[in-house]
Structures are given as C-alpha cells and as structure tokens.
C-alpha atoms as a PDB file:
ATOM      1  CA  MET A   1      92.629  66.444  64.637  1.00  0.00           C
ATOM      2  CA  PRO A   2      92.223  62.690  64.179  1.00  0.00           C
ATOM      3  CA  ILE A   3      88.521  61.559  64.317  1.00  0.00           C
ATOM      4  CA  LEU A   4      87.074  58.735  66.053  1.00  0.00           C
ATOM      5  CA  LYS A   5      85.695  55.613  64.081  1.00  0.00           C
ATOM      6  CA  ASP A   6      83.572  54.313  66.691  1.00  0.00           C
ATOM      7  CA  ASP A   7      81.927  56.009  69.684  1.00  0.00           C
ATOM      8  CA  PRO A   8      83.286  53.750  72.684  1.00  0.00           C
ATOM      9  CA  GLU A   9      80.892  53.397  75.689  1.00  0.00           C
ATOM     10  CA  LYS A  10      81.737  55.664  78.697  1.00  0.00           C
ATOM     11  CA  PRO A  11      83.553  53.902  81.894  1.00  0.00           C
ATOM     12  CA  GLU A  12      81.752  54.397  84.894  1.00  0.00           C
ATOM     13  CA  GLU A  13      83.615  57.618  85.981  1.00  0.00           C
ATOM     14  CA  GLY A  14      82.465  59.229  82.913  1.00  0.00           C
ATOM     15  CA  ARG A  15      85.707  58.845  80.704  1.00  0.00           C
ATOM     16  CA  GLN A  16      85.614  57.430  77.273  1.00  0.00           C
ATOM     17  CA  GLU A  17      87.977  54.141  76.756  1.00  0.00           C
ATOM     18  CA  PRO A  18      90.431  54.931  73.909  1.00  0.00           C
ATOM     19  CA  ALA A  19      89.337  53.632  70.469  1.00  0.00           C
ATOM     20  CA  ASP A  20      91.205  51.075  68.598  1.00  0.00           C
ATOM     21  CA  VAL A  21      90.188  52.791  64.986  1.00  0.00           C
ATOM     22  CA  ILE A  22      90.897  56.224  63.781  1.00  0.00           C
ATOM     23  CA  VAL A  23      90.207  57.926  60.877  1.00  0.00           C
ATOM     24  CA  LEU A  24      93.678  59.388  59.578  1.00  0.00           C
ATOM     25  CA  PRO A  25      93.985  63.467  59.623  1.00  0.00           C
ATOM     26  CA  SER A  26      94.743  65.034  56.593  1.00  0.00           C
ATOM     27  CA  GLY A  27      98.594  64.906  55.717  1.00  0.00           C
ATOM     28  CA  ALA A  28      98.753  61.594  57.363  1.00  0.00           C
ATOM     29  CA  GLU A  29     101.311  59.378  55.441  1.00  0.00           C
ATOM     30  CA  ILE A  30     100.955  55.439  55.863  1.00  0.00           C
ATOM     31  CA  LEU A  31     104.137  53.376  55.691  1.00  0.00           C
ATOM     32  CA  SER A  32     104.701  49.930  56.015  1.00  0.00           C
ATOM     33  CA  LEU A  33     104.275  47.672  58.834  1.00  0.00           C
ATOM     34  CA  ASP A  34     108.161  46.581  58.182  1.00  0.00           C
ATOM     35  CA  ASP A  35     109.255  50.474  57.608  1.00  0.00           C
ATOM     36  CA  ILE A  36     107.161  51.442  60.843  1.00  0.00           C
ATOM     37  CA  LEU A  37     109.545  48.879  62.994  1.00  0.00           C
ATOM     38  CA  LYS A  38     112.724  50.416  61.454  1.00  0.00           C
ATOM     39  CA  THR A  39     111.743  54.011  62.802  1.00  0.00           C
ATOM     40  CA  GLU A  40     113.808  55.339  65.940  1.00  0.00           C
ATOM     41  CA  LEU A  41     110.611  54.513  67.991  1.00  0.00           C
ATOM     42  CA  PHE A  42     111.030  50.690  67.827  1.00  0.00           C
ATOM     43  CA  ASP A  43     114.772  51.098  68.192  1.00  0.00           C
ATOM     44  CA  ASP A  44     115.316  49.114  71.355  1.00  0.00           C
ATOM     45  CA  VAL A  45     111.897  47.390  71.537  1.00  0.00           C
ATOM     46  CA  GLU A  46     111.608  43.786  71.480  1.00  0.00           C
ATOM     47  CA  GLU A  47     110.085  43.474  67.983  1.00  0.00           C
ATOM     48  CA  LYS A  48     108.121  39.993  68.125  1.00  0.00           C
ATOM     49  CA  PRO A  49     105.353  40.970  70.773  1.00  0.00           C
ATOM     50  CA  VAL A  50     105.138  44.657  69.262  1.00  0.00           C
ATOM     51  CA  ARG A  51     105.091  43.120  65.711  1.00  0.00           C
ATOM     52  CA  ALA A  52     102.200  40.720  67.048  1.00  0.00           C
ATOM     53  CA  VAL A  53     100.207  44.086  68.293  1.00  0.00           C
ATOM     54  CA  LEU A  54     100.706  45.877  64.847  1.00  0.00           C
ATOM     55  CA  GLN A  55      99.705  42.586  62.762  1.00  0.00           C
ATOM     56  CA  ARG A  56      96.025  42.897  64.421  1.00  0.00           C
ATOM     57  CA  PHE A  57      95.676  46.127  62.226  1.00  0.00           C
ATOM     58  CA  LYS A  58      97.157  44.052  59.506  1.00  0.00           C
ATOM     59  CA  LYS A  59      93.512  43.816  57.261  1.00  0.00           C
ATOM     60  CA  ASN A  60      92.497  47.425  57.115  1.00  0.00           C
ATOM     61  CA  TRP A  61      96.333  48.855  57.137  1.00  0.00           C
ATOM     62  CA  ASP A  62      95.934  51.005  54.481  1.00  0.00           C
ATOM     63  CA  GLU A  63      92.565  52.606  55.887  1.00  0.00           C
ATOM     64  CA  TYR A  64      92.910  52.696  59.555  1.00  0.00           C
ATOM     65  CA  PRO A  65      96.795  52.042  60.213  1.00  0.00           C
ATOM     66  CA  PRO A  66      97.234  52.090  63.924  1.00  0.00           C
ATOM     67  CA  ILE A  67     100.441  54.212  63.606  1.00  0.00           C
ATOM     68  CA  TRP A  68     101.111  56.876  60.637  1.00  0.00           C
ATOM     69  CA  ARG A  69     103.805  59.664  59.849  1.00  0.00           C
ATOM     70  CA  ARG A  70     103.183  63.424  59.761  1.00  0.00           C
ATOM     71  CA  THR A  71     105.166  66.366  58.559  1.00  0.00           C
ATOM     72  CA  PHE A  72     104.623  69.618  60.020  1.00  0.00           C
ATOM     73  CA  GLU A  73     106.136  73.242  59.298  1.00  0.00           C
ATOM     74  CA  ASP A  74     107.065  75.868  61.357  1.00  0.00           C
ATOM     75  CA  GLY A  75     104.169  77.229  63.500  1.00  0.00           C
ATOM     76  CA  ASP A  76     101.848  74.494  62.465  1.00  0.00           C
ATOM     77  CA  ILE A  77      99.845  73.389  65.675  1.00  0.00           C
ATOM     78  CA  ILE A  78     100.208  69.430  66.402  1.00  0.00           C
ATOM     79  CA  CYS A  79      97.697  69.407  68.841  1.00  0.00           C
ATOM     80  CA  GLU A  80      95.822  71.926  70.832  1.00  0.00           C
ATOM     81  CA  GLU A  81      95.048  72.374  74.739  1.00  0.00           C
ATOM     82  CA  GLY A  82      91.488  71.094  75.673  1.00  0.00           C
ATOM     83  CA  ASP A  83      91.148  69.018  72.399  1.00  0.00           C
ATOM     84  CA  PHE A  84      89.629  65.754  73.022  1.00  0.00           C
ATOM     85  CA  ASP A  85      91.726  63.127  70.811  1.00  0.00           C
ATOM     86  CA  GLN A  86      92.819  59.573  71.315  1.00  0.00           C
ATOM     87  CA  THR A  87      96.857  59.389  69.889  1.00  0.00           C
ATOM     88  CA  ALA A  88     100.247  60.363  71.325  1.00  0.00           C
ATOM     89  CA  PHE A  89     103.246  61.646  69.081  1.00  0.00           C
ATOM     90  CA  PHE A  90     106.857  60.434  68.883  1.00  0.00           C
ATOM     91  CA  ILE A  91     109.549  63.222  67.550  1.00  0.00           C
ATOM     92  CA  LEU A  92     111.479  61.842  64.609  1.00  0.00           C
ATOM     93  CA  GLU A  93     113.109  65.228  63.295  1.00  0.00           C
ATOM     94  CA  GLY A  94     112.835  68.582  64.657  1.00  0.00           C
ATOM     95  CA  LYS A  95     111.465  70.345  67.580  1.00  0.00           C
ATOM     96  CA  VAL A  96     108.286  71.632  69.119  1.00  0.00           C
ATOM     97  CA  SER A  97     107.168  73.994  71.969  1.00  0.00           C
ATOM     98  CA  ILE A  98     104.652  73.138  74.264  1.00  0.00           C
ATOM     99  CA  TYR A  99     102.664  75.922  76.249  1.00  0.00           C
ATOM    100  CA  ILE A 100      99.468  76.666  78.227  1.00  0.00           C
ATOM    101  CA  ALA A 101      97.383  79.685  76.917  1.00  0.00           C
ATOM    102  CA  ALA A 102      95.405  80.162  79.408  1.00  0.00           C
ATOM    103  CA  GLN A 103      98.466  80.389  82.064  1.00  0.00           C
ATOM    104  CA  LEU A 104     100.197  82.708  79.705  1.00  0.00           C
ATOM    105  CA  GLY A 105      97.618  84.733  79.513  1.00  0.00           C
ATOM    106  CA  HIS A 106      97.455  85.218  83.547  1.00  0.00           C
ATOM    107  CA  ILE A 107     101.064  85.722  83.987  1.00  0.00           C
ATOM    108  CA  GLU A 108     101.140  88.529  80.968  1.00  0.00           C
ATOM    109  CA  SER A 109      98.086  90.354  82.725  1.00  0.00           C
ATOM    110  CA  LYS A 110      99.892  90.386  86.045  1.00  0.00           C
ATOM    111  CA  THR A 111     102.600  92.515  84.531  1.00  0.00           C
ATOM    112  CA  ARG A 112      99.848  95.224  83.690  1.00  0.00           C
ATOM    113  CA  LYS A 113      99.598  98.283  85.795  1.00  0.00           C
ATOM    114  CA  ARG A 114      97.103  98.526  88.521  1.00  0.00           C
ATOM    115  CA  LYS A 115      96.038 101.076  90.518  1.00  0.00           C
ATOM    116  CA  GLY A 116      94.792 100.907  94.441  1.00  0.00           C
ATOM    117  CA  ILE A 117      95.257  97.970  97.111  1.00  0.00           C
ATOM    118  CA  LEU A 118      93.837  95.457  94.846  1.00  0.00           C
ATOM    119  CA  GLY A 119      96.280  96.388  92.521  1.00  0.00           C
ATOM    120  CA  PHE A 120      99.397  96.173  94.842  1.00  0.00           C
ATOM    121  CA  PHE A 121      97.867  92.582  95.851  1.00  0.00           C
ATOM    122  CA  ARG A 122      97.592  91.475  92.281  1.00  0.00           C
ATOM    123  CA  LYS A 123     101.106  92.512  91.392  1.00  0.00           C
ATOM    124  CA  HIS A 124     102.766  90.122  94.003  1.00  0.00           C
ATOM    125  CA  THR A 125     100.559  87.385  93.229  1.00  0.00           C
ATOM    126  CA  THR A 126      99.810  85.019  89.818  1.00  0.00           C
ATOM    127  CA  ALA A 127      96.653  82.557  89.951  1.00  0.00           C
ATOM    128  CA  PHE A 128      99.219  79.443  89.914  1.00  0.00           C
ATOM    129  CA  SER A 129     101.220  79.714  93.085  1.00  0.00           C
ATOM    130  CA  ARG A 130      98.493  79.558  95.291  1.00  0.00           C
ATOM    131  CA  THR A 131      99.031  77.395  98.805  1.00  0.00           C
ATOM    132  CA  ARG A 132      97.029  74.427  98.969  1.00  0.00           C
ATOM    133  CA  LYS A 133      96.309  72.224 102.031  1.00  0.00           C
ATOM    134  CA  ASP A 134      95.690  68.736 101.018  1.00  0.00           C
ATOM    135  CA  ASP A 135      94.126  66.287 103.215  1.00  0.00           C
ATOM    136  CA  SER A 136      96.236  63.836 105.692  1.00  0.00           C
ATOM    137  CA  LEU A 137      97.772  62.288 102.566  1.00  0.00           C
ATOM    138  CA  SER A 138      99.753  65.529 101.569  1.00  0.00           C
ATOM    139  CA  ASP A 139     101.471  68.434 103.268  1.00  0.00           C
ATOM    140  CA  GLU A 140     100.645  71.818 102.201  1.00  0.00           C
ATOM    141  CA  THR A 141     101.872  72.590  99.029  1.00  0.00           C
ATOM    142  CA  THR A 142     103.051  75.462  96.673  1.00  0.00           C
ATOM    143  CA  ARG A 143     103.337  74.205  93.280  1.00  0.00           C
ATOM    144  CA  LEU A 144     106.440  75.373  91.399  1.00  0.00           C
ATOM    145  CA  SER A 145     105.653  73.591  87.998  1.00  0.00           C
ATOM    146  CA  ILE A 146     102.936  72.510  85.917  1.00  0.00           C
ATOM    147  CA  PRO A 147     102.241  69.063  85.107  1.00  0.00           C
ATOM    148  CA  THR A 148     101.764  68.346  81.302  1.00  0.00           C
ATOM    149  CA  ASP A 149     100.980  65.338  79.184  1.00  0.00           C
ATOM    150  CA  SER A 150     104.798  65.155  78.100  1.00  0.00           C
ATOM    151  CA  PRO A 151     108.111  64.321  79.518  1.00  0.00           C
ATOM    152  CA  ILE A 152     108.114  68.020  80.972  1.00  0.00           C
ATOM    153  CA  ASP A 153     106.555  70.003  83.500  1.00  0.00           C
ATOM    154  CA  LEU A 154     106.029  73.787  82.894  1.00  0.00           C
ATOM    155  CA  ALA A 155     107.514  76.616  85.227  1.00  0.00           C
ATOM    156  CA  VAL A 156     104.796  78.487  86.532  1.00  0.00           C
ATOM    157  CA  ASP A 157     106.165  81.571  85.951  1.00  0.00           C
ATOM    158  CA  ASP A 158     107.053  80.855  82.560  1.00  0.00           C
ATOM    159  CA  PRO A 159     104.804  77.892  80.934  1.00  0.00           C
ATOM    160  CA  VAL A 160     106.830  77.285  77.974  1.00  0.00           C
ATOM    161  CA  GLY A 161     108.937  74.400  77.135  1.00  0.00           C
ATOM    162  CA  TYR A 162     110.722  72.243  74.604  1.00  0.00           C
ATOM    163  CA  LEU A 163     110.723  68.962  73.398  1.00  0.00           C
ATOM    164  CA  HIS A 164     112.791  67.244  70.838  1.00  0.00           C
ATOM    165  CA  LYS A 165     113.998  64.394  68.647  1.00  0.00           C
ATOM    166  CA  GLY A 166     113.161  61.089  70.713  1.00  0.00           C
ATOM    167  CA  ASP A 167     110.475  62.612  72.952  1.00  0.00           C
ATOM    168  CA  LEU A 168     106.943  61.191  73.133  1.00  0.00           C
ATOM    169  CA  PHE A 169     103.991  63.110  74.235  1.00  0.00           C
ATOM    170  CA  GLY A 170     100.353  63.007  74.520  1.00  0.00           C
ATOM    171  CA  GLU A 171     100.443  60.006  76.818  1.00  0.00           C
ATOM    172  CA  GLN A 172      97.429  60.786  79.101  1.00  0.00           C
ATOM    173  CA  THR A 173      94.686  61.632  76.101  1.00  0.00           C
ATOM    174  CA  CYS A 174      96.024  58.509  74.308  1.00  0.00           C
ATOM    175  CA  SER A 175      95.515  55.895  77.071  1.00  0.00           C
ATOM    176  CA  ASN A 176      92.960  57.656  78.824  1.00  0.00           C
ATOM    177  CA  TYR A 177      90.915  59.769  76.602  1.00  0.00           C
ATOM    178  CA  LEU A 178      91.226  62.845  78.323  1.00  0.00           C
ATOM    179  CA  PRO A 179      91.622  66.459  77.090  1.00  0.00           C
ATOM    180  CA  ARG A 180      94.610  67.597  75.695  1.00  0.00           C
ATOM    181  CA  SER A 181      96.973  69.287  78.639  1.00  0.00           C
ATOM    182  CA  ALA A 182      98.757  71.881  76.753  1.00  0.00           C
ATOM    183  CA  THR A 183      98.825  73.224  73.186  1.00  0.00           C
ATOM    184  CA  VAL A 184     102.111  71.758  70.972  1.00  0.00           C
ATOM    185  CA  LYS A 185     103.501  73.668  68.066  1.00  0.00           C
ATOM    186  CA  ALA A 186     106.206  72.838  65.353  1.00  0.00           C
ATOM    187  CA  VAL A 187     109.417  74.984  65.672  1.00  0.00           C
ATOM    188  CA  GLY A 188     110.671  74.724  62.274  1.00  0.00           C
ATOM    189  CA  LYS A 189     109.949  71.605  60.148  1.00  0.00           C
ATOM    190  CA  CYS A 190     108.967  68.846  62.182  1.00  0.00           C
ATOM    191  CA  VAL A 191     108.104  65.121  61.814  1.00  0.00           C
ATOM    192  CA  CYS A 192     106.320  62.875  64.118  1.00  0.00           C
ATOM    193  CA  LEU A 193     104.622  59.477  64.354  1.00  0.00           C
ATOM    194  CA  GLU A 194     101.339  59.510  65.750  1.00  0.00           C
ATOM    195  CA  MET A 195      99.687  56.273  67.619  1.00  0.00           C
ATOM    196  CA  ILE A 196      96.798  55.049  68.993  1.00  0.00           C
ATOM    197  CA  ALA A 197      96.736  53.516  72.501  1.00  0.00           C
ATOM    198  CA  PRO A 198      97.615  49.921  71.526  1.00  0.00           C
ATOM    199  CA  VAL A 199     100.885  50.623  69.779  1.00  0.00           C
ATOM    200  CA  LEU A 200     101.689  52.872  72.791  1.00  0.00           C
ATOM    201  CA  ARG A 201     101.167  50.366  75.289  1.00  0.00           C
ATOM    202  CA  ALA A 202     103.476  48.003  73.355  1.00  0.00           C
ATOM    203  CA  VAL A 203     106.346  50.052  73.089  1.00  0.00           C
ATOM    204  CA  LYS A 204     106.011  51.287  76.654  1.00  0.00           C
ATOM    205  CA  GLU A 205     105.766  47.376  77.987  1.00  0.00           C
ATOM    206  CA  ASN A 206     108.804  46.626  75.513  1.00  0.00           C
ATOM    207  CA  SER A 207     110.986  49.299  75.604  1.00  0.00           C
ATOM    208  CA  PRO A 208     113.881  49.472  78.263  1.00  0.00           C
ATOM    209  CA  ARG A 209     114.980  52.701  77.048  1.00  0.00           C
ATOM    210  CA  PHE A 210     111.454  54.257  77.743  1.00  0.00           C
ATOM    211  CA  ASN A 211     111.353  52.619  80.935  1.00  0.00           C
ATOM    212  CA  GLU A 212     114.738  54.157  82.078  1.00  0.00           C
ATOM    213  CA  GLU A 213     114.173  57.412  80.353  1.00  0.00           C
ATOM    214  CA  TYR A 214     110.463  57.810  82.426  1.00  0.00           C
ATOM    215  CA  LYS A 215     111.814  57.012  85.532  1.00  0.00           C
ATOM    216  CA  ASP A 216     114.660  59.594  85.652  1.00  0.00           C
ATOM    217  CA  ARG A 217     112.081  62.260  84.568  1.00  0.00           C
ATOM    218  CA  ALA A 218     109.065  61.233  86.050  1.00  0.00           C
ATOM    219  CA  LEU A 219     110.881  61.370  89.590  1.00  0.00           C
ATOM    220  CA  LYS A 220     112.903  64.543  88.978  1.00  0.00           C
ATOM    221  CA  ASN A 221     109.973  66.397  87.816  1.00  0.00           C
ATOM    222  CA  HIS A 222     107.623  65.394  90.619  1.00  0.00           C
ATOM    223  CA  LEU A 223     110.102  65.748  93.329  1.00  0.00           C
ATOM    224  CA  MET A 224     110.008  69.340  92.641  1.00  0.00           C
ATOM    225  CA  ASN A 225     106.638  69.620  93.771  1.00  0.00           C
ATOM    226  CA  VAL A 226     107.025  67.303  97.198  1.00  0.00           C
ATOM    227  CA  PRO A 227     107.574  70.148  99.668  1.00  0.00           C
ATOM    228  CA  MET A 228     109.479  68.047 101.813  1.00  0.00           C
ATOM    229  CA  PHE A 229     112.159  67.737  99.368  1.00  0.00           C
ATOM    230  CA  SER A 230     112.242  71.613  99.001  1.00  0.00           C
ATOM    231  CA  GLY A 231     115.917  72.197  98.513  1.00  0.00           C
ATOM    232  CA  PHE A 232     117.162  68.733  98.466  1.00  0.00           C
ATOM    233  CA  HIS A 233     115.957  67.709  94.987  1.00  0.00           C
ATOM    234  CA  ASP A 234     118.978  66.975  93.045  1.00  0.00           C
ATOM    235  CA  GLU A 235     120.505  65.247  96.333  1.00  0.00           C
ATOM    236  CA  VAL A 236     117.142  62.820  96.917  1.00  0.00           C
ATOM    237  CA  PHE A 237     116.956  62.357  92.902  1.00  0.00           C
ATOM    238  CA  ASP A 238     120.556  61.085  92.803  1.00  0.00           C
ATOM    239  CA  PHE A 239     119.686  58.923  95.909  1.00  0.00           C
ATOM    240  CA  LEU A 240     116.312  57.497  94.732  1.00  0.00           C
ATOM    241  CA  LYS A 241     117.021  56.912  90.953  1.00  0.00           C
ATOM    242  CA  ASP A 242     118.218  53.324  91.045  1.00  0.00           C
ATOM    243  CA  LYS A 243     115.655  52.648  93.822  1.00  0.00           C
ATOM    244  CA  ILE A 244     112.308  53.528  92.287  1.00  0.00           C
ATOM    245  CA  GLU A 245     109.866  51.054  90.716  1.00  0.00           C
ATOM    246  CA  LEU A 246     107.669  52.046  87.913  1.00  0.00           C
ATOM    247  CA  VAL A 247     104.127  50.728  88.428  1.00  0.00           C
ATOM    248  CA  THR A 248     100.916  50.682  86.378  1.00  0.00           C
ATOM    249  CA  LYS A 249      97.450  50.179  87.877  1.00  0.00           C
ATOM    250  CA  TYR A 250      94.578  49.950  85.706  1.00  0.00           C
ATOM    251  CA  LYS A 251      90.809  51.389  86.215  1.00  0.00           C
ATOM    252  CA  GLY A 252      89.650  50.290  89.364  1.00  0.00           C
ATOM    253  CA  GLU A 253      92.758  48.504  90.632  1.00  0.00           C
ATOM    254  CA  VAL A 254      93.774  49.421  94.441  1.00  0.00           C
ATOM    255  CA  ILE A 255      96.745  50.747  94.994  1.00  0.00           C
ATOM    256  CA  PHE A 256      96.679  50.302  98.735  1.00  0.00           C
ATOM    257  CA  ARG A 257      94.005  49.912 101.277  1.00  0.00           C
ATOM    258  CA  GLU A 258      92.405  51.468 104.534  1.00  0.00           C
ATOM    259  CA  GLY A 259      94.119  49.491 107.463  1.00  0.00           C
ATOM    260  CA  GLU A 260      97.023  48.100 105.740  1.00  0.00           C
ATOM    261  CA  LYS A 261     100.912  48.353 106.532  1.00  0.00           C
ATOM    262  CA  ALA A 262     102.393  51.278 104.833  1.00  0.00           C
ATOM    263  CA  ASP A 263     104.837  49.777 103.057  1.00  0.00           C
ATOM    264  CA  ALA A 264     105.321  52.716  99.796  1.00  0.00           C
ATOM    265  CA  PHE A 265     105.626  56.194  99.023  1.00  0.00           C
ATOM    266  CA  TYR A 266     103.889  56.992  95.696  1.00  0.00           C
ATOM    267  CA  LEU A 267     104.455  59.676  93.015  1.00  0.00           C
ATOM    268  CA  ILE A 268     101.694  59.549  90.976  1.00  0.00           C
ATOM    269  CA  ARG A 269     103.188  60.037  87.373  1.00  0.00           C
ATOM    270  CA  SER A 270     100.084  59.892  85.169  1.00  0.00           C
ATOM    271  CA  GLY A 271      96.288  59.023  85.425  1.00  0.00           C
ATOM    272  CA  PHE A 272      94.011  59.864  88.214  1.00  0.00           C
ATOM    273  CA  VAL A 273      93.449  58.458  91.679  1.00  0.00           C
ATOM    274  CA  LYS A 274      90.648  58.045  93.650  1.00  0.00           C
ATOM    275  CA  VAL A 275      90.903  58.627  97.455  1.00  0.00           C
ATOM    276  CA  SER A 276      88.245  57.128  99.676  1.00  0.00           C
ATOM    277  CA  GLN A 277      87.635  56.167 103.437  1.00  0.00           C
ATOM    278  CA  LYS A 278      85.276  53.687 105.400  1.00  0.00           C
ATOM    279  CA  LYS A 279      82.397  56.072 107.394  1.00  0.00           C
ATOM    280  CA  PRO A 280      79.719  54.633 109.167  1.00  0.00           C
ATOM    281  CA  GLY A 281      77.196  55.466 106.277  1.00  0.00           C
ATOM    282  CA  GLY A 282      79.653  53.812 103.838  1.00  0.00           C
ATOM    283  CA  GLU A 283      82.782  54.398 101.824  1.00  0.00           C
ATOM    284  CA  THR A 284      83.143  58.349 101.215  1.00  0.00           C
ATOM    285  CA  VAL A 285      85.418  59.687  98.244  1.00  0.00           C
ATOM    286  CA  LEU A 286      87.893  62.352  99.979  1.00  0.00           C
ATOM    287  CA  LYS A 287      89.128  63.487  97.061  1.00  0.00           C
ATOM    288  CA  TYR A 288      90.943  63.038  93.409  1.00  0.00           C
ATOM    289  CA  MET A 289      94.565  63.187  93.061  1.00  0.00           C
ATOM    290  CA  GLY A 290      96.317  63.850  89.812  1.00  0.00           C
ATOM    291  CA  ARG A 291      99.864  63.884  87.963  1.00  0.00           C
ATOM    292  CA  GLY A 292     102.410  65.339  90.280  1.00  0.00           C
ATOM    293  CA  GLU A 293     100.563  64.502  93.265  1.00  0.00           C
ATOM    294  CA  HIS A 294     101.759  62.295  96.041  1.00  0.00           C
ATOM    295  CA  ILE A 295     100.228  59.207  98.442  1.00  0.00           C
ATOM    296  CA  GLY A 296     101.466  57.019 101.077  1.00  0.00           C
ATOM    297  CA  HIS A 297     104.268  58.866 103.060  1.00  0.00           C
ATOM    298  CA  ILE A 298     102.609  59.945 106.358  1.00  0.00           C
ATOM    299  CA  GLY A 299     102.089  56.348 107.471  1.00  0.00           C
ATOM    300  CA  ILE A 300     105.743  55.459 106.908  1.00  0.00           C
ATOM    301  CA  ILE A 301     106.840  58.659 108.532  1.00  0.00           C
ATOM    302  CA  GLN A 302     104.291  58.236 111.288  1.00  0.00           C
ATOM    303  CA  LYS A 303     104.478  54.014 111.595  1.00  0.00           C
ATOM    304  CA  THR A 304     100.671  54.010 111.467  1.00  0.00           C
ATOM    305  CA  PRO A 305      97.964  51.919 108.999  1.00  0.00           C
ATOM    306  CA  ARG A 306      96.622  53.314 105.743  1.00  0.00           C
ATOM    307  CA  GLU A 307      94.055  55.797 106.718  1.00  0.00           C
ATOM    308  CA  VAL A 308      92.383  55.535 103.305  1.00  0.00           C
ATOM    309  CA  THR A 309      92.079  53.563 100.090  1.00  0.00           C
ATOM    310  CA  CYS A 310      93.317  54.739  96.827  1.00  0.00           C
ATOM    311  CA  THR A 311      92.091  53.341  93.992  1.00  0.00           C
ATOM    312  CA  ALA A 312      92.867  54.120  90.196  1.00  0.00           C
ATOM    313  CA  LEU A 313      90.112  56.147  88.598  1.00  0.00           C
ATOM    314  CA  ASN A 314      91.738  55.107  85.140  1.00  0.00           C
ATOM    315  CA  THR A 315      95.039  53.932  84.077  1.00  0.00           C
ATOM    316  CA  ALA A 316      97.699  55.418  86.377  1.00  0.00           C
ATOM    317  CA  GLU A 317     101.267  55.247  86.461  1.00  0.00           C
ATOM    318  CA  LEU A 318     103.080  55.456  89.713  1.00  0.00           C
ATOM    319  CA  VAL A 319     106.864  55.932  90.592  1.00  0.00           C
ATOM    320  CA  LYS A 320     106.899  53.568  93.674  1.00  0.00           C
ATOM    321  CA  VAL A 321     109.719  54.055  96.682  1.00  0.00           C
ATOM    322  CA  SER A 322     109.438  51.267  98.833  1.00  0.00           C
ATOM    323  CA  GLU A 323     109.075  51.708 102.915  1.00  0.00           C
ATOM    324  CA  ASP A 324     112.645  50.430 103.143  1.00  0.00           C
ATOM    325  CA  HIS A 325     114.123  53.114 100.639  1.00  0.00           C
ATOM    326  CA  PHE A 326     112.176  55.976 101.912  1.00  0.00           C
ATOM    327  CA  ARG A 327     113.449  54.992 105.350  1.00  0.00           C
ATOM    328  CA  GLU A 328     116.991  54.957 103.905  1.00  0.00           C
ATOM    329  CA  MET A 329     116.397  58.203 102.300  1.00  0.00           C
ATOM    330  CA  LEU A 330     115.094  59.847 105.438  1.00  0.00           C
ATOM    331  CA  ALA A 331     118.269  58.787 107.763  1.00  0.00           C
ATOM    332  CA  GLU A 332     120.412  60.116 104.422  1.00  0.00           C
ATOM    333  CA  PHE A 333     118.607  63.549 104.093  1.00  0.00           C
ATOM    334  CA  PRO A 334     116.828  63.964 108.165  1.00  0.00           C
ATOM    335  CA  GLU A 335     116.312  67.264 107.333  1.00  0.00           C
ATOM    336  CA  VAL A 336     113.840  66.143 104.968  1.00  0.00           C
ATOM    337  CA  ASN A 337     111.634  65.301 107.655  1.00  0.00           C
ATOM    338  CA  LYS A 338     111.571  68.188 109.851  1.00  0.00           C
END
C-alpha cells in the first residue's frame, strides 16, 4: 500500500484531500516521463496538457514519481476493501477479480441450513436486497447491484466481477481519499500503472476515449438501479446514450438550488451529494447520496420547482439528462412514468 509523504489537512466534511506526493510501494517500477506517455493509458490523450502535469514532478521523479508500473502474480492482492489509499490503477496486461468480502460472507451464510420460523425468513432474504424508501428525491428502491470504485457494479447475489486490459479502477479513492470499496486480486500475471490524483485528472480531462466509455458504462450501470426504468434498461440506455452529459462538481459546488426550475435529471456516478432544505431555523441537511443514486426527476415529472438544494460534498461526477431529453424519453416509453 502506498504511504502518504505528507498529511493534508482534512476538509470541512471530514475527508482528506488527495496528496500530491506518495512514497512508492515495494516492487514499483519507475519509468521515464517519455516511456510513461508511450503506454496505452495515453494512447488518445492530448499530450501537451498531460505532459505539463507530469513535468511538475520532474525534479523528484526518481524518488516521488506521480505514476509508476507494478507487476502482480496470480492471487496477489492489488488493493483491499477498507484501505485508505490515494491511487488509481490502469490495467496494462492481464485480468483482475473484484469482490466485496463482507457481502460474500453474507451470501454464503444464507445458504446454511436454519431451523424454525427465523430460518425460513432468512432463507429467502439477504441483507443486500433490502427495499429502501428515500425522501422526495427518489422512489422506493430495491438495489439490484452494488456500486464499486471501478467501471462495473457487482450483482447483489454474486458480488464478484472481472476487469481486463484497458480498465481503470480506484478513481474515488484517488480523487477523494475514500476507503477502497472492494478488494481487487490478480488473476494470473497482471501489469498495472498506478497513479496519483493529478495524473488521473489530466487523463480524464484530455481523453475522448475515457469520456465515451465512462458515459456508456455509467449510464448502463446506473439505470439498472433506477426503479422507474425497471424492465426497460436496455431500451432506455439506447435512447439516452447519445443525449447525456458528464458533469463534474467539486467540493461545495451547487448542483441545483431549492426553488429553481427543474431542468435536468442526474445519476450520481461517483462522489457524494448533500441534500438540504430551508427550514424556519435555517438550512437542514436531509441526507447524503452517493454512487448509483439519482436526483432531480420529481420536479420534471410534476412540473414543480426544486424542493431541495443539492451540493457536492466532495468531487462528484454526474450523468446529466436535460429536461427536454428526459421528457422525450417519457414520451418514447410512457410505461416508465406509470
């Protein structure tokens, strides 16, 4: 696990900001700046702005580079659920498995034989298929998949997935210093680039390929957990995939304010959003929302102003569907609004 060289101050909401310098983990292979830019990660990236970011680290490159290469053997743990790190990974070669150990334990335990009435109910219930009723922002939700800090979400009844060459994982941990959401293990020999936040940001801001891939994956994964789209995931995805916009909001930025016109629907791709409302005694925080949840459709459907203010708690990435496109979707799929 990489070690922080400095100890950044915690932001107001209690999470640390990403460090710009990290002590290398054992086995890290330092590549030259030019060799780094020749790797697949930078294939379609506009070189000039990315090179400028990397040049900031040139002076101490041999000791504290912003990106390095690591090789893992079959069964090696690349990162572990719950760890506080500040790096993201890009797979150059091989394959990894991604899983959530705690959930696997719950699923395995439910298959054991139980006696009595409690055993009967436990047999047909899992802790990961609870039905939850949110406030006016969201409808009653039965989660079908589990969000992870990777391009894929995991099935509730089998929380194991696989990532391959060209996949990126660990963005949330890297950008917002959040604990790892899942364990990632090498399946056979695996070679990865590991990077800190400035490099990750530079790649995402200057890579058309990543933007398009993330749009598709973010939309498809998140639609699976929106109840109103139940039974129409694929059709709605095909309809919306060329109409959405990826929006990034940084800590403290307002997504929309109470009283404003409802002009867009949002799916939270990463980060956290604070939901608040004006009360006689001042602003009240109603809840916090995260990856896989959605905000903003009630006002569009009911043609009413925003009932709450939504603010980015940290760096939050959102899939935005404009009011016009949302209404077009409702007209195309009237069953969605029933």
